[in-house]
Amino acid sequence: MIYVDADACPVKAEVEKVGTRHGVQMFIVSNGGLRPSQNPLVDTVIVPDGPDVADMWIADRAKAGDIVITGDIPLAAKCVEAGARVLKHNGEALTAANIGNVLATRDLMADIRAADPFRTGGGRAFSKADRSRFLDALERELRAAKRL
C-alpha cells in the first residue's frame, strides 16, 4: 500500500500514476480540500481538523512493505520504525540509517529559525528535477517492496 500525507503534497498525481501502473492500493490522507479521485485504487481519507491527525492516521497503519510519501520528518520517523519505506516529495528516501540525522537537522533548523525572528524566506521551490527524482525513487521503492 501507498500512504500519502496529502496536505501540501506536490506529487499526488505522480503517486496515483505510478501506483496505478503497479496495481497498488493508495490512501490519500488529508484534513480536507481535496477532490476525490475516481480511480478505484485510490481511497481519499479525510480526517478531522487538528494537529497531526493525518499523520497519526498514517502512522497507525503503515507497516513493513508499505510506502509512505511525506515531508513530515516526525511522521517519517514513526513509519521507518514500523518498517515502511518512506520518500520525501523530492525523492529522498528516509531510512533507518539516515532518519536520526534528518530529525536532528530538523530540530537544529527549528532552533535557528526561532532564534532569528527577522529571518525571511523558506526553502527553494519544488522543481521539475525534484519531480523527476521523485518518480524514479517511487518506481524503485515499489519494485523493492514487491520483492518482499
Protein backbone atom coordinates (compact mmCIF):
# COMPACT_ATOMS: atom_id res chain seq x y z
CA MET A 1 0.00 0.00 0.00
CA ILE A 2 1.00 3.60 -0.50
CA TYR A 3 0.08 6.25 2.07
CA VAL A 4 0.32 9.91 1.05
CA ASP A 5 0.42 12.70 3.60
CA ALA A 6 -1.52 14.82 1.14
CA ASP A 7 -1.68 18.25 2.80
CA ALA A 8 0.68 20.42 0.71
CA CYS A 9 1.93 17.37 -1.23
CA PRO A 10 3.09 18.36 -4.73
CA VAL A 11 3.28 14.80 -6.09
CA LYS A 12 -0.21 13.33 -5.56
CA ALA A 13 -0.82 12.92 -9.31
CA GLU A 14 2.54 11.20 -9.76
CA VAL A 15 1.82 8.78 -6.92
CA GLU A 16 -1.52 7.90 -8.49
CA LYS A 17 0.03 7.38 -11.92
CA VAL A 18 2.84 5.10 -10.71
CA GLY A 19 0.69 3.31 -8.14
CA THR A 20 -1.98 2.56 -10.74
CA ARG A 21 0.61 1.16 -13.14
CA HIS A 22 1.74 -1.23 -10.38
CA GLY A 23 -1.81 -2.04 -9.21
CA VAL A 24 -1.16 -0.80 -5.67
CA GLN A 25 -3.84 0.43 -3.25
CA MET A 26 -3.26 4.10 -2.34
CA PHE A 27 -4.53 6.20 0.56
CA ILE A 28 -4.50 9.98 0.08
CA VAL A 29 -4.86 11.35 3.61
CA SER A 30 -5.68 14.98 4.44
CA ASN A 31 -7.96 17.11 6.55
CA GLY A 32 -9.99 18.21 3.54
CA GLY A 33 -9.88 20.35 0.46
CA LEU A 34 -9.00 17.57 -1.96
CA ARG A 35 -11.07 16.38 -4.89
CA PRO A 36 -11.52 12.59 -4.54
CA SER A 37 -10.04 10.51 -7.33
CA GLN A 38 -12.28 8.33 -9.48
CA ASN A 39 -9.51 5.70 -9.53
CA PRO A 40 -10.69 2.53 -7.73
CA LEU A 41 -7.17 2.04 -6.34
CA VAL A 42 -7.24 5.42 -4.59
CA ASP A 43 -9.01 5.96 -1.28
CA THR A 44 -9.30 9.59 -0.24
CA VAL A 45 -9.27 9.74 3.54
CA ILE A 46 -10.49 12.95 5.17
CA VAL A 47 -9.51 13.16 8.82
CA PRO A 48 -10.85 15.67 11.36
CA ASP A 49 -9.11 19.02 11.73
CA GLY A 50 -6.41 19.06 14.33
CA PRO A 51 -2.67 18.99 14.69
CA ASP A 52 -1.09 15.86 13.23
CA VAL A 53 -4.38 13.94 12.82
CA ALA A 54 -3.49 12.86 9.27
CA ASP A 55 -0.01 11.91 10.46
CA MET A 56 -1.42 9.77 13.26
CA TRP A 57 -3.82 8.05 10.83
CA ILE A 58 -0.92 7.09 8.57
CA ALA A 59 1.45 6.15 11.42
CA ASP A 60 -1.18 3.82 12.92
CA ARG A 61 -1.46 1.87 9.64
CA ALA A 62 1.92 1.92 7.89
CA LYS A 63 3.88 -1.30 8.19
CA ALA A 64 6.68 -3.24 6.55
CA GLY A 65 6.26 -3.36 2.79
CA ASP A 66 4.18 -0.16 2.65
CA ILE A 67 5.39 3.10 1.15
CA VAL A 68 4.75 6.46 2.81
CA ILE A 69 5.07 9.77 0.98
CA THR A 70 5.60 12.68 3.37
CA GLY A 71 7.64 15.75 4.07
CA ASP A 72 6.84 15.49 7.78
CA ILE A 73 10.00 14.21 9.47
CA PRO A 74 8.44 13.02 12.78
CA LEU A 75 5.84 11.04 10.77
CA ALA A 76 8.62 9.64 8.61
CA ALA A 77 10.50 8.50 11.73
CA LYS A 78 7.44 6.64 13.05
CA CYS A 79 6.88 4.94 9.69
CA VAL A 80 10.54 3.96 9.31
CA GLU A 81 10.39 2.46 12.81
CA ALA A 82 7.34 0.44 11.71
CA GLY A 83 9.31 -0.92 8.75
CA ALA A 84 7.68 1.15 5.99
CA ARG A 85 9.64 2.69 3.13
CA VAL A 86 9.47 6.49 3.25
CA LEU A 87 10.01 9.03 0.48
CA LYS A 88 10.06 12.79 0.68
CA HIS A 89 8.45 14.74 -2.17
CA ASN A 90 11.83 15.30 -3.82
CA GLY A 91 12.58 11.57 -3.97
CA GLU A 92 14.88 11.45 -0.95
CA ALA A 93 14.49 8.12 0.83
CA LEU A 94 14.30 8.25 4.62
CA THR A 95 15.64 5.06 6.17
CA ALA A 96 16.73 3.66 9.50
CA ALA A 97 20.28 4.67 8.51
CA ASN A 98 19.53 8.36 7.98
CA ILE A 99 16.36 9.27 9.89
CA GLY A 100 18.25 10.14 13.09
CA ASN A 101 20.40 12.71 11.29
CA VAL A 102 17.39 14.11 9.44
CA LEU A 103 15.47 14.52 12.73
CA ALA A 104 18.47 16.21 14.38
CA THR A 105 18.89 18.60 11.44
CA ARG A 106 15.17 19.44 11.53
CA ASP A 107 15.37 20.25 15.24
CA LEU A 108 18.53 22.33 14.78
CA MET A 109 16.96 24.34 11.96
CA ALA A 110 13.84 24.95 14.07
CA ASP A 111 16.05 26.32 16.85
CA ILE A 112 17.93 28.57 14.41
CA ARG A 113 14.67 29.92 12.97
CA ALA A 114 13.32 30.57 16.47
CA ALA A 115 16.49 32.46 17.42
CA ASP A 116 16.21 34.85 14.45
CA PRO A 117 12.67 36.24 14.21
CA PHE A 118 13.69 38.52 11.34
CA ARG A 119 14.78 35.69 9.07
CA THR A 120 12.61 35.61 5.96
CA GLY A 121 12.11 33.16 3.17
CA GLY A 122 11.79 29.45 3.14
CA GLY A 123 13.16 26.56 1.18
CA ARG A 124 13.67 26.52 -2.53
CA ALA A 125 10.79 25.96 -4.92
CA PHE A 126 9.78 22.46 -5.99
CA SER A 127 11.35 21.87 -9.42
CA LYS A 128 10.95 19.60 -12.43
CA ALA A 129 14.15 17.87 -11.33
CA ASP A 130 12.60 17.18 -7.91
CA ARG A 131 9.52 15.72 -9.60
CA SER A 132 11.67 13.53 -11.84
CA ARG A 133 13.77 12.31 -8.89
CA PHE A 134 10.58 11.52 -7.01
CA LEU A 135 9.16 9.46 -9.91
CA ASP A 136 12.39 7.46 -10.21
CA ALA A 137 12.56 6.90 -6.45
CA LEU A 138 8.91 5.81 -6.20
CA GLU A 139 9.40 3.35 -9.05
CA ARG A 140 12.47 1.88 -7.29
CA GLU A 141 10.68 1.65 -3.94
CA LEU A 142 7.62 -0.06 -5.44
CA ARG A 143 9.79 -2.64 -7.18
CA ALA A 144 11.75 -3.25 -3.98
CA ALA A 145 8.55 -3.56 -1.92
CA LYS A 146 7.13 -6.12 -4.36
CA ARG A 147 10.20 -8.30 -3.86
CA LEU A 148 9.45 -8.62 -0.12
